[in-house]
Amino acid sequence: MNDDRFFERLRDDAGPLRYEPDDVALTRIAARVRERIAAQPSVESFLARWFRPLAMSLTALALAATLGVQWYERSQQQTATLEAAMKADPVEISVDGNTYTLSR
């Protein structure tokens, strides 16, 4: 299974598929690289590159927090109100030996 010449044959077979640019293409590529290196970004473009993703991330975080708070508030049961407490258990009051049951 170990063929030492496999990689050599593979390189030889792939040789015609390699892209080797001519002198004109090399000159163009070098000029583009030099242009990109020499170009200094302006303050506006520098701030825009950093601020836009930051603003979008904070917006998404705020939206997720708002939706989470709304879901949490809606999922909580409303047992703290007086009406809910009175409906759950009837209240008995004794006055002068008489017992009164309060419900609803």
PDB file of N, CA and C in Angstrom:
ATOM      1  N   MET A   1       0.807  -1.185   0.000  1.00  0.00           N
ATOM      2  CA  MET A   1       0.000   0.000   0.000  1.00  0.00           C
ATOM      3  C   MET A   1       0.857   1.259   0.000  1.00  0.00           C
ATOM      4  N   ASN A   2       2.069   1.148   0.427  1.00  0.00           N
ATOM      5  CA  ASN A   2       2.934   2.307   0.507  1.00  0.00           C
ATOM      6  C   ASN A   2       3.659   2.484  -0.817  1.00  0.00           C
ATOM      7  N   ASP A   3       3.272   3.513  -1.558  1.00  0.00           N
ATOM      8  CA  ASP A   3       3.895   3.785  -2.856  1.00  0.00           C
ATOM      9  C   ASP A   3       4.653   5.099  -2.736  1.00  0.00           C
ATOM     10  N   ASP A   4       5.983   5.027  -2.697  1.00  0.00           N
ATOM     11  CA  ASP A   4       6.808   6.214  -2.507  1.00  0.00           C
ATOM     12  C   ASP A   4       6.734   7.160  -3.696  1.00  0.00           C
ATOM     13  N   ARG A   5       6.444   6.652  -4.856  1.00  0.00           N
ATOM     14  CA  ARG A   5       6.421   7.484  -6.048  1.00  0.00           C
ATOM     15  C   ARG A   5       5.042   8.095  -6.314  1.00  0.00           C
ATOM     16  N   PHE A   6       4.071   7.820  -5.440  1.00  0.00           N
ATOM     17  CA  PHE A   6       2.716   8.313  -5.666  1.00  0.00           C
ATOM     18  C   PHE A   6       2.678   9.833  -5.729  1.00  0.00           C
ATOM     19  N   PHE A   7       3.284  10.494  -4.747  1.00  0.00           N
ATOM     20  CA  PHE A   7       3.243  11.954  -4.712  1.00  0.00           C
ATOM     21  C   PHE A   7       4.026  12.569  -5.869  1.00  0.00           C
ATOM     22  N   GLU A   8       5.112  11.936  -6.260  1.00  0.00           N
ATOM     23  CA  GLU A   8       5.874  12.445  -7.413  1.00  0.00           C
ATOM     24  C   GLU A   8       5.043  12.342  -8.691  1.00  0.00           C
ATOM     25  N   ARG A   9       4.359  11.221  -8.867  1.00  0.00           N
ATOM     26  CA  ARG A   9       3.502  11.074 -10.048  1.00  0.00           C
ATOM     27  C   ARG A   9       2.328  12.053 -10.003  1.00  0.00           C
ATOM     28  N   LEU A  10       1.801  12.272  -8.800  1.00  0.00           N
ATOM     29  CA  LEU A  10       0.706  13.220  -8.660  1.00  0.00           C
ATOM     30  C   LEU A  10       1.153  14.630  -9.036  1.00  0.00           C
ATOM     31  N   ARG A  11       2.332  15.036  -8.596  1.00  0.00           N
ATOM     32  CA  ARG A  11       2.852  16.351  -8.970  1.00  0.00           C
ATOM     33  C   ARG A  11       3.076  16.451 -10.472  1.00  0.00           C
ATOM     34  N   ASP A  12       3.608  15.408 -11.057  1.00  0.00           N
ATOM     35  CA  ASP A  12       3.847  15.421 -12.510  1.00  0.00           C
ATOM     36  C   ASP A  12       2.538  15.502 -13.286  1.00  0.00           C
ATOM     37  N   ASP A  13       1.519  14.775 -12.811  1.00  0.00           N
ATOM     38  CA  ASP A  13       0.227  14.800 -13.504  1.00  0.00           C
ATOM     39  C   ASP A  13      -0.484  16.141 -13.327  1.00  0.00           C
ATOM     40  N   ALA A  14      -0.279  16.802 -12.180  1.00  0.00           N
ATOM     41  CA  ALA A  14      -0.952  18.065 -11.919  1.00  0.00           C
ATOM     42  C   ALA A  14      -0.183  19.254 -12.483  1.00  0.00           C
ATOM     43  N   GLY A  15       0.988  19.029 -12.989  1.00  0.00           N
ATOM     44  CA  GLY A  15       1.806  20.113 -13.544  1.00  0.00           C
ATOM     45  C   GLY A  15       1.097  20.962 -14.577  1.00  0.00           C
ATOM     46  N   PRO A  16       0.429  20.383 -15.563  1.00  0.00           N
ATOM     47  CA  PRO A  16      -0.254  21.213 -16.565  1.00  0.00           C
ATOM     48  C   PRO A  16      -1.440  21.995 -16.001  1.00  0.00           C
ATOM     49  N   LEU A  17      -1.953  21.602 -14.851  1.00  0.00           N
ATOM     50  CA  LEU A  17      -3.093  22.305 -14.259  1.00  0.00           C
ATOM     51  C   LEU A  17      -2.683  23.522 -13.437  1.00  0.00           C
ATOM     52  N   ARG A  18      -1.408  23.661 -13.138  1.00  0.00           N
ATOM     53  CA  ARG A  18      -0.934  24.798 -12.351  1.00  0.00           C
ATOM     54  C   ARG A  18      -1.084  26.087 -13.132  1.00  0.00           C
ATOM     55  N   TYR A  19      -1.406  27.156 -12.405  1.00  0.00           N
ATOM     56  CA  TYR A  19      -1.495  28.482 -13.019  1.00  0.00           C
ATOM     57  C   TYR A  19      -0.188  29.207 -12.785  1.00  0.00           C
ATOM     58  N   GLU A  20       0.493  29.490 -13.832  1.00  0.00           N
ATOM     59  CA  GLU A  20       1.727  30.256 -13.750  1.00  0.00           C
ATOM     60  C   GLU A  20       1.526  31.516 -14.579  1.00  0.00           C
ATOM     61  N   PRO A  21       1.340  32.658 -13.896  1.00  0.00           N
ATOM     62  CA  PRO A  21       1.028  33.887 -14.624  1.00  0.00           C
ATOM     63  C   PRO A  21       2.206  34.368 -15.453  1.00  0.00           C
ATOM     64  N   ASP A  22       1.839  35.051 -16.539  1.00  0.00           N
ATOM     65  CA  ASP A  22       2.883  35.625 -17.393  1.00  0.00           C
ATOM     66  C   ASP A  22       3.373  36.938 -16.779  1.00  0.00           C
ATOM     67  N   ASP A  23       4.298  37.618 -17.454  1.00  0.00           N
ATOM     68  CA  ASP A  23       4.902  38.841 -16.911  1.00  0.00           C
ATOM     69  C   ASP A  23       3.877  39.961 -16.720  1.00  0.00           C
ATOM     70  N   VAL A  24       2.921  40.075 -17.633  1.00  0.00           N
ATOM     71  CA  VAL A  24       1.912  41.133 -17.530  1.00  0.00           C
ATOM     72  C   VAL A  24       1.035  40.904 -16.301  1.00  0.00           C
ATOM     73  N   ALA A  25       0.608  39.671 -16.095  1.00  0.00           N
ATOM     74  CA  ALA A  25      -0.234  39.359 -14.946  1.00  0.00           C
ATOM     75  C   ALA A  25       0.527  39.569 -13.637  1.00  0.00           C
ATOM     76  N   LEU A  26       1.811  39.189 -13.620  1.00  0.00           N
ATOM     77  CA  LEU A  26       2.615  39.397 -12.420  1.00  0.00           C
ATOM     78  C   LEU A  26       2.750  40.886 -12.108  1.00  0.00           C
ATOM     79  N   THR A  27       2.914  41.698 -13.140  1.00  0.00           N
ATOM     80  CA  THR A  27       3.025  43.145 -12.943  1.00  0.00           C
ATOM     81  C   THR A  27       1.729  43.710 -12.388  1.00  0.00           C
ATOM     82  N   ARG A  28       0.597  43.282 -12.910  1.00  0.00           N
ATOM     83  CA  ARG A  28      -0.695  43.759 -12.420  1.00  0.00           C
ATOM     84  C   ARG A  28      -0.929  43.344 -10.971  1.00  0.00           C
ATOM     85  N   ILE A  29      -0.616  42.101 -10.656  1.00  0.00           N
ATOM     86  CA  ILE A  29      -0.809  41.617  -9.284  1.00  0.00           C
ATOM     87  C   ILE A  29       0.070  42.409  -8.320  1.00  0.00           C
ATOM     88  N   ALA A  30       1.326  42.619  -8.694  1.00  0.00           N
ATOM     89  CA  ALA A  30       2.236  43.375  -7.836  1.00  0.00           C
ATOM     90  C   ALA A  30       1.758  44.808  -7.654  1.00  0.00           C
ATOM     91  N   ALA A  31       1.239  45.421  -8.721  1.00  0.00           N
ATOM     92  CA  ALA A  31       0.749  46.799  -8.623  1.00  0.00           C
ATOM     93  C   ALA A  31      -0.468  46.876  -7.706  1.00  0.00           C
ATOM     94  N   ARG A  32      -1.364  45.913  -7.776  1.00  0.00           N
ATOM     95  CA  ARG A  32      -2.538  45.910  -6.897  1.00  0.00           C
ATOM     96  C   ARG A  32      -2.142  45.721  -5.435  1.00  0.00           C
ATOM     97  N   VAL A  33      -1.187  44.837  -5.207  1.00  0.00           N
ATOM     98  CA  VAL A  33      -0.733  44.611  -3.840  1.00  0.00           C
ATOM     99  C   VAL A  33      -0.095  45.879  -3.280  1.00  0.00           C
ATOM    100  N   ARG A  34       0.773  46.520  -4.058  1.00  0.00           N
ATOM    101  CA  ARG A  34       1.409  47.762  -3.614  1.00  0.00           C
ATOM    102  C   ARG A  34       0.373  48.860  -3.361  1.00  0.00           C
ATOM    103  N   GLU A  35      -0.629  48.938  -4.215  1.00  0.00           N
ATOM    104  CA  GLU A  35      -1.678  49.952  -4.051  1.00  0.00           C
ATOM    105  C   GLU A  35      -2.466  49.726  -2.760  1.00  0.00           C
ATOM    106  N   ARG A  36      -2.810  48.485  -2.473  1.00  0.00           N
ATOM    107  CA  ARG A  36      -3.568  48.178  -1.256  1.00  0.00           C
ATOM    108  C   ARG A  36      -2.739  48.433  -0.004  1.00  0.00           C
ATOM    109  N   ILE A  37      -1.436  48.158  -0.074  1.00  0.00           N
ATOM    110  CA  ILE A  37      -0.571  48.401   1.077  1.00  0.00           C
ATOM    111  C   ILE A  37      -0.392  49.891   1.308  1.00  0.00           C
ATOM    112  N   ALA A  38      -0.239  50.642   0.239  1.00  0.00           N
ATOM    113  CA  ALA A  38       0.018  52.078   0.346  1.00  0.00           C
ATOM    114  C   ALA A  38      -1.227  52.871   0.736  1.00  0.00           C
ATOM    115  N   ALA A  39      -2.401  52.385   0.420  1.00  0.00           N
ATOM    116  CA  ALA A  39      -3.639  53.124   0.701  1.00  0.00           C
ATOM    117  C   ALA A  39      -3.895  53.146   2.200  1.00  0.00           C
ATOM    118  N   GLN A  40      -4.011  54.331   2.765  1.00  0.00           N
ATOM    119  CA  GLN A  40      -4.324  54.490   4.183  1.00  0.00           C
ATOM    120  C   GLN A  40      -5.821  54.753   4.318  1.00  0.00           C
ATOM    121  N   PRO A  41      -6.491  54.035   5.195  1.00  0.00           N
ATOM    122  CA  PRO A  41      -7.930  54.275   5.355  1.00  0.00           C
ATOM    123  C   PRO A  41      -8.181  55.617   6.031  1.00  0.00           C
ATOM    124  N   SER A  42      -9.265  56.243   5.650  1.00  0.00           N
ATOM    125  CA  SER A  42      -9.634  57.505   6.292  1.00  0.00           C
ATOM    126  C   SER A  42     -10.233  57.208   7.658  1.00  0.00           C
ATOM    127  N   VAL A  43     -10.378  58.248   8.444  1.00  0.00           N
ATOM    128  CA  VAL A  43     -10.935  58.088   9.780  1.00  0.00           C
ATOM    129  C   VAL A  43     -12.375  57.594   9.693  1.00  0.00           C
ATOM    130  N   GLU A  44     -13.119  58.130   8.714  1.00  0.00           N
ATOM    131  CA  GLU A  44     -14.522  57.716   8.566  1.00  0.00           C
ATOM    132  C   GLU A  44     -14.632  56.232   8.232  1.00  0.00           C
ATOM    133  N   SER A  45     -13.821  55.776   7.304  1.00  0.00           N
ATOM    134  CA  SER A  45     -13.909  54.358   6.923  1.00  0.00           C
ATOM    135  C   SER A  45     -13.425  53.462   8.056  1.00  0.00           C
ATOM    136  N   PHE A  46     -12.405  53.914   8.794  1.00  0.00           N
ATOM    137  CA  PHE A  46     -11.911  53.138   9.923  1.00  0.00           C
ATOM    138  C   PHE A  46     -12.991  52.995  10.996  1.00  0.00           C
ATOM    139  N   LEU A  47     -13.646  54.102  11.331  1.00  0.00           N
ATOM    140  CA  LEU A  47     -14.716  54.050  12.332  1.00  0.00           C
ATOM    141  C   LEU A  47     -15.904  53.241  11.843  1.00  0.00           C
ATOM    142  N   ALA A  48     -16.236  53.361  10.567  1.00  0.00           N
ATOM    143  CA  ALA A  48     -17.370  52.620  10.019  1.00  0.00           C
ATOM    144  C   ALA A  48     -17.107  51.119  10.063  1.00  0.00           C
ATOM    145  N   ARG A  49     -15.875  50.716   9.805  1.00  0.00           N
ATOM    146  CA  ARG A  49     -15.552  49.287   9.834  1.00  0.00           C
ATOM    147  C   ARG A  49     -15.695  48.707  11.232  1.00  0.00           C
ATOM    148  N   TRP A  50     -15.448  49.493  12.262  1.00  0.00           N
ATOM    149  CA  TRP A  50     -15.558  48.998  13.619  1.00  0.00           C
ATOM    150  C   TRP A  50     -16.925  49.267  14.227  1.00  0.00           C
ATOM    151  N   PHE A  51     -17.546  50.377  13.892  1.00  0.00           N
ATOM    152  CA  PHE A  51     -18.786  50.757  14.547  1.00  0.00           C
ATOM    153  C   PHE A  51     -19.986  49.973  14.042  1.00  0.00           C
ATOM    154  N   ARG A  52     -20.062  49.723  12.765  1.00  0.00           N
ATOM    155  CA  ARG A  52     -21.235  49.019  12.220  1.00  0.00           C
ATOM    156  C   ARG A  52     -21.424  47.628  12.830  1.00  0.00           C
ATOM    157  N   PRO A  53     -20.406  46.770  12.840  1.00  0.00           N
ATOM    158  CA  PRO A  53     -20.623  45.459  13.475  1.00  0.00           C
ATOM    159  C   PRO A  53     -20.912  45.564  14.972  1.00  0.00           C
ATOM    160  N   LEU A  54     -20.273  46.517  15.643  1.00  0.00           N
ATOM    161  CA  LEU A  54     -20.517  46.700  17.067  1.00  0.00           C
ATOM    162  C   LEU A  54     -21.960  47.139  17.315  1.00  0.00           C
ATOM    163  N   ALA A  55     -22.444  48.081  16.517  1.00  0.00           N
ATOM    164  CA  ALA A  55     -23.823  48.552  16.669  1.00  0.00           C
ATOM    165  C   ALA A  55     -24.827  47.438  16.372  1.00  0.00           C
ATOM    166  N   MET A  56     -24.562  46.656  15.363  1.00  0.00           N
ATOM    167  CA  MET A  56     -25.480  45.555  15.044  1.00  0.00           C
ATOM    168  C   MET A  56     -25.483  44.505  16.148  1.00  0.00           C
ATOM    169  N   SER A  57     -24.331  44.225  16.728  1.00  0.00           N
ATOM    170  CA  SER A  57     -24.269  43.249  17.823  1.00  0.00           C
ATOM    171  C   SER A  57     -25.035  43.748  19.043  1.00  0.00           C
ATOM    172  N   LEU A  58     -24.854  45.019  19.385  1.00  0.00           N
ATOM    173  CA  LEU A  58     -25.574  45.567  20.527  1.00  0.00           C
ATOM    174  C   LEU A  58     -27.078  45.624  20.268  1.00  0.00           C
ATOM    175  N   THR A  59     -27.468  45.912  19.034  1.00  0.00           N
ATOM    176  CA  THR A  59     -28.891  45.921  18.689  1.00  0.00           C
ATOM    177  C   THR A  59     -29.492  44.525  18.834  1.00  0.00           C
ATOM    178  N   ALA A  60     -28.783  43.523  18.361  1.00  0.00           N
ATOM    179  CA  ALA A  60     -29.276  42.152  18.489  1.00  0.00           C
ATOM    180  C   ALA A  60     -29.361  41.737  19.954  1.00  0.00           C
ATOM    181  N   LEU A  61     -28.391  42.143  20.754  1.00  0.00           N
ATOM    182  CA  LEU A  61     -28.409  41.826  22.177  1.00  0.00           C
ATOM    183  C   LEU A  61     -29.578  42.506  22.884  1.00  0.00           C
ATOM    184  N   ALA A  62     -29.831  43.766  22.550  1.00  0.00           N
ATOM    185  CA  ALA A  62     -30.951  44.487  23.153  1.00  0.00           C
ATOM    186  C   ALA A  62     -32.283  43.865  22.751  1.00  0.00           C
ATOM    187  N   LEU A  63     -32.407  43.470  21.496  1.00  0.00           N
ATOM    188  CA  LEU A  63     -33.639  42.825  21.042  1.00  0.00           C
ATOM    189  C   LEU A  63     -33.862  41.499  21.759  1.00  0.00           C
ATOM    190  N   ALA A  64     -32.807  40.711  21.900  1.00  0.00           N
ATOM    191  CA  ALA A  64     -32.935  39.426  22.603  1.00  0.00           C
ATOM    192  C   ALA A  64     -33.297  39.649  24.068  1.00  0.00           C
ATOM    193  N   ALA A  65     -32.708  40.659  24.704  1.00  0.00           N
ATOM    194  CA  ALA A  65     -33.028  40.939  26.106  1.00  0.00           C
ATOM    195  C   ALA A  65     -34.471  41.396  26.259  1.00  0.00           C
ATOM    196  N   THR A  66     -34.936  42.250  25.348  1.00  0.00           N
ATOM    197  CA  THR A  66     -36.318  42.729  25.405  1.00  0.00           C
ATOM    198  C   THR A  66     -37.299  41.580  25.237  1.00  0.00           C
ATOM    199  N   LEU A  67     -37.045  40.726  24.270  1.00  0.00           N
ATOM    200  CA  LEU A  67     -37.928  39.580  24.066  1.00  0.00           C
ATOM    201  C   LEU A  67     -37.897  38.634  25.256  1.00  0.00           C
ATOM    202  N   GLY A  68     -36.725  38.455  25.847  1.00  0.00           N
ATOM    203  CA  GLY A  68     -36.608  37.589  27.023  1.00  0.00           C
ATOM    204  C   GLY A  68     -37.374  38.132  28.214  1.00  0.00           C
ATOM    205  N   VAL A  69     -37.281  39.431  28.440  1.00  0.00           N
ATOM    206  CA  VAL A  69     -38.010  40.040  29.564  1.00  0.00           C
ATOM    207  C   VAL A  69     -39.503  39.936  29.334  1.00  0.00           C
ATOM    208  N   GLN A  70     -39.967  40.190  28.113  1.00  0.00           N
ATOM    209  CA  GLN A  70     -41.398  40.081  27.825  1.00  0.00           C
ATOM    210  C   GLN A  70     -41.902  38.665  28.028  1.00  0.00           C
ATOM    211  N   TRP A  71     -41.136  37.690  27.568  1.00  0.00           N
ATOM    212  CA  TRP A  71     -41.542  36.294  27.741  1.00  0.00           C
ATOM    213  C   TRP A  71     -41.584  35.923  29.212  1.00  0.00           C
ATOM    214  N   TYR A  72     -40.599  36.383  29.971  1.00  0.00           N
ATOM    215  CA  TYR A  72     -40.543  36.061  31.405  1.00  0.00           C
ATOM    216  C   TYR A  72     -41.728  36.666  32.148  1.00  0.00           C
ATOM    217  N   GLU A  73     -42.056  37.905  31.830  1.00  0.00           N
ATOM    218  CA  GLU A  73     -43.174  38.549  32.506  1.00  0.00           C
ATOM    219  C   GLU A  73     -44.501  37.893  32.166  1.00  0.00           C
ATOM    220  N   ARG A  74     -44.651  37.468  30.937  1.00  0.00           N
ATOM    221  CA  ARG A  74     -45.918  36.833  30.550  1.00  0.00           C
ATOM    222  C   ARG A  74     -46.049  35.430  31.112  1.00  0.00           C
ATOM    223  N   SER A  75     -44.927  34.764  31.344  1.00  0.00           N
ATOM    224  CA  SER A  75     -45.009  33.388  31.828  1.00  0.00           C
ATOM    225  C   SER A  75     -45.219  33.315  33.337  1.00  0.00           C
ATOM    226  N   GLN A  76     -45.010  34.396  34.068  1.00  0.00           N
ATOM    227  CA  GLN A  76     -45.204  34.403  35.521  1.00  0.00           C
ATOM    228  C   GLN A  76     -46.696  34.404  35.845  1.00  0.00           C
ATOM    229  N   GLN A  77     -47.058  33.683  36.891  1.00  0.00           N
ATOM    230  CA  GLN A  77     -48.457  33.631  37.304  1.00  0.00           C
ATOM    231  C   GLN A  77     -48.784  34.863  38.138  1.00  0.00           C
ATOM    232  N   GLN A  78     -49.982  35.353  38.000  1.00  0.00           N
ATOM    233  CA  GLN A  78     -50.427  36.551  38.705  1.00  0.00           C
ATOM    234  C   GLN A  78     -51.121  36.145  40.006  1.00  0.00           C
ATOM    235  N   THR A  79     -50.372  35.647  40.991  1.00  0.00           N
ATOM    236  CA  THR A  79     -50.964  35.230  42.265  1.00  0.00           C
ATOM    237  C   THR A  79     -50.824  36.292  43.340  1.00  0.00           C
ATOM    238  N   ALA A  80     -50.215  37.405  43.044  1.00  0.00           N
ATOM    239  CA  ALA A  80     -49.978  38.422  44.062  1.00  0.00           C
ATOM    240  C   ALA A  80     -51.166  39.366  44.228  1.00  0.00           C
ATOM    241  N   THR A  81     -52.179  39.283  43.399  1.00  0.00           N
ATOM    242  CA  THR A  81     -53.303  40.208  43.499  1.00  0.00           C
ATOM    243  C   THR A  81     -54.284  39.752  44.579  1.00  0.00           C
ATOM    244  N   LEU A  82     -55.024  40.684  45.122  1.00  0.00           N
ATOM    245  CA  LEU A  82     -55.985  40.388  46.180  1.00  0.00           C
ATOM    246  C   LEU A  82     -57.126  39.511  45.667  1.00  0.00           C
ATOM    247  N   GLU A  83     -57.572  39.772  44.432  1.00  0.00           N
ATOM    248  CA  GLU A  83     -58.669  38.976  43.874  1.00  0.00           C
ATOM    249  C   GLU A  83     -58.262  37.517  43.705  1.00  0.00           C
ATOM    250  N   ALA A  84     -57.052  37.295  43.289  1.00  0.00           N
ATOM    251  CA  ALA A  84     -56.600  35.916  43.103  1.00  0.00           C
ATOM    252  C   ALA A  84     -56.493  35.201  44.446  1.00  0.00           C
ATOM    253  N   ALA A  85     -56.059  35.918  45.458  1.00  0.00           N
ATOM    254  CA  ALA A  85     -55.950  35.305  46.785  1.00  0.00           C
ATOM    255  C   ALA A  85     -57.322  34.975  47.347  1.00  0.00           C
ATOM    256  N   MET A  86     -58.300  35.831  47.111  1.00  0.00           N
ATOM    257  CA  MET A  86     -59.637  35.580  47.638  1.00  0.00           C
ATOM    258  C   MET A  86     -60.343  34.471  46.871  1.00  0.00           C
ATOM    259  N   LYS A  87     -60.075  34.344  45.614  1.00  0.00           N
ATOM    260  CA  LYS A  87     -60.721  33.288  44.835  1.00  0.00           C
ATOM    261  C   LYS A  87     -60.148  31.920  45.183  1.00  0.00           C
ATOM    262  N   ALA A  88     -58.907  31.879  45.568  1.00  0.00           N
ATOM    263  CA  ALA A  88     -58.260  30.597  45.824  1.00  0.00           C
ATOM    264  C   ALA A  88     -58.813  29.921  47.081  1.00  0.00           C
ATOM    265  N   ASP A  89     -58.864  30.647  48.200  1.00  0.00           N
ATOM    266  CA  ASP A  89     -59.347  30.077  49.453  1.00  0.00           C
ATOM    267  C   ASP A  89     -60.413  31.003  50.043  1.00  0.00           C
ATOM    268  N   PRO A  90     -61.565  30.459  50.457  1.00  0.00           N
ATOM    269  CA  PRO A  90     -62.566  31.325  51.100  1.00  0.00           C
ATOM    270  C   PRO A  90     -62.083  31.754  52.485  1.00  0.00           C
ATOM    271  N   VAL A  91     -62.453  32.972  52.865  1.00  0.00           N
ATOM    272  CA  VAL A  91     -62.043  33.529  54.151  1.00  0.00           C
ATOM    273  C   VAL A  91     -63.227  33.410  55.116  1.00  0.00           C
ATOM    274  N   GLU A  92     -62.961  32.895  56.321  1.00  0.00           N
ATOM    275  CA  GLU A  92     -64.005  32.762  57.331  1.00  0.00           C
ATOM    276  C   GLU A  92     -63.774  33.785  58.435  1.00  0.00           C
ATOM    277  N   ILE A  93     -64.838  34.515  58.775  1.00  0.00           N
ATOM    278  CA  ILE A  93     -64.774  35.536  59.815  1.00  0.00           C
ATOM    279  C   ILE A  93     -65.824  35.201  60.869  1.00  0.00           C
ATOM    280  N   SER A  94     -65.411  35.210  62.138  1.00  0.00           N
ATOM    281  CA  SER A  94     -66.348  34.946  63.240  1.00  0.00           C
ATOM    282  C   SER A  94     -66.597  36.236  63.997  1.00  0.00           C
ATOM    283  N   VAL A  95     -67.896  36.595  64.105  1.00  0.00           N
ATOM    284  CA  VAL A  95     -68.293  37.787  64.845  1.00  0.00           C
ATOM    285  C   VAL A  95     -69.463  37.397  65.743  1.00  0.00           C
ATOM    286  N   ASP A  96     -69.327  37.584  67.059  1.00  0.00           N
ATOM    287  CA  ASP A  96     -70.373  37.289  68.037  1.00  0.00           C
ATOM    288  C   ASP A  96     -70.906  35.872  67.900  1.00  0.00           C
ATOM    289  N   GLY A  97     -70.048  34.917  67.654  1.00  0.00           N
ATOM    290  CA  GLY A  97     -70.484  33.532  67.548  1.00  0.00           C
ATOM    291  C   GLY A  97     -70.994  33.147  66.183  1.00  0.00           C
ATOM    292  N   ASN A  98     -71.177  34.105  65.302  1.00  0.00           N
ATOM    293  CA  ASN A  98     -71.608  33.796  63.938  1.00  0.00           C
ATOM    294  C   ASN A  98     -70.380  33.680  63.022  1.00  0.00           C
ATOM    295  N   THR A  99     -70.406  32.729  62.148  1.00  0.00           N
ATOM    296  CA  THR A  99     -69.301  32.525  61.206  1.00  0.00           C
ATOM    297  C   THR A  99     -69.751  32.936  59.824  1.00  0.00           C
ATOM    298  N   TYR A 100     -69.000  33.828  59.221  1.00  0.00           N
ATOM    299  CA  TYR A 100     -69.294  34.292  57.864  1.00  0.00           C
ATOM    300  C   TYR A 100     -68.187  33.832  56.934  1.00  0.00           C
ATOM    301  N   THR A 101     -68.569  33.300  55.806  1.00  0.00           N
ATOM    302  CA  THR A 101     -67.601  32.859  54.787  1.00  0.00           C
ATOM    303  C   THR A 101     -67.609  33.851  53.657  1.00  0.00           C
ATOM    304  N   LEU A 102     -66.431  34.374  53.356  1.00  0.00           N
ATOM    305  CA  LEU A 102     -66.291  35.324  52.270  1.00  0.00           C
ATOM    306  C   LEU A 102     -65.627  34.656  51.078  1.00  0.00           C
ATOM    307  N   SER A 103     -66.331  34.639  50.009  1.00  0.00           N
ATOM    308  CA  SER A 103     -65.751  34.163  48.763  1.00  0.00           C
ATOM    309  C   SER A 103     -66.361  34.965  47.637  1.00  0.00           C
ATOM    310  N   ARG A 104     -65.610  35.362  46.763  1.00  0.00           N
ATOM    311  CA  ARG A 104     -66.008  36.201  45.630  1.00  0.00           C
ATOM    312  C   ARG A 104     -66.375  37.519  46.101  1.00  0.00           C
TER     313      ARG A 104
END
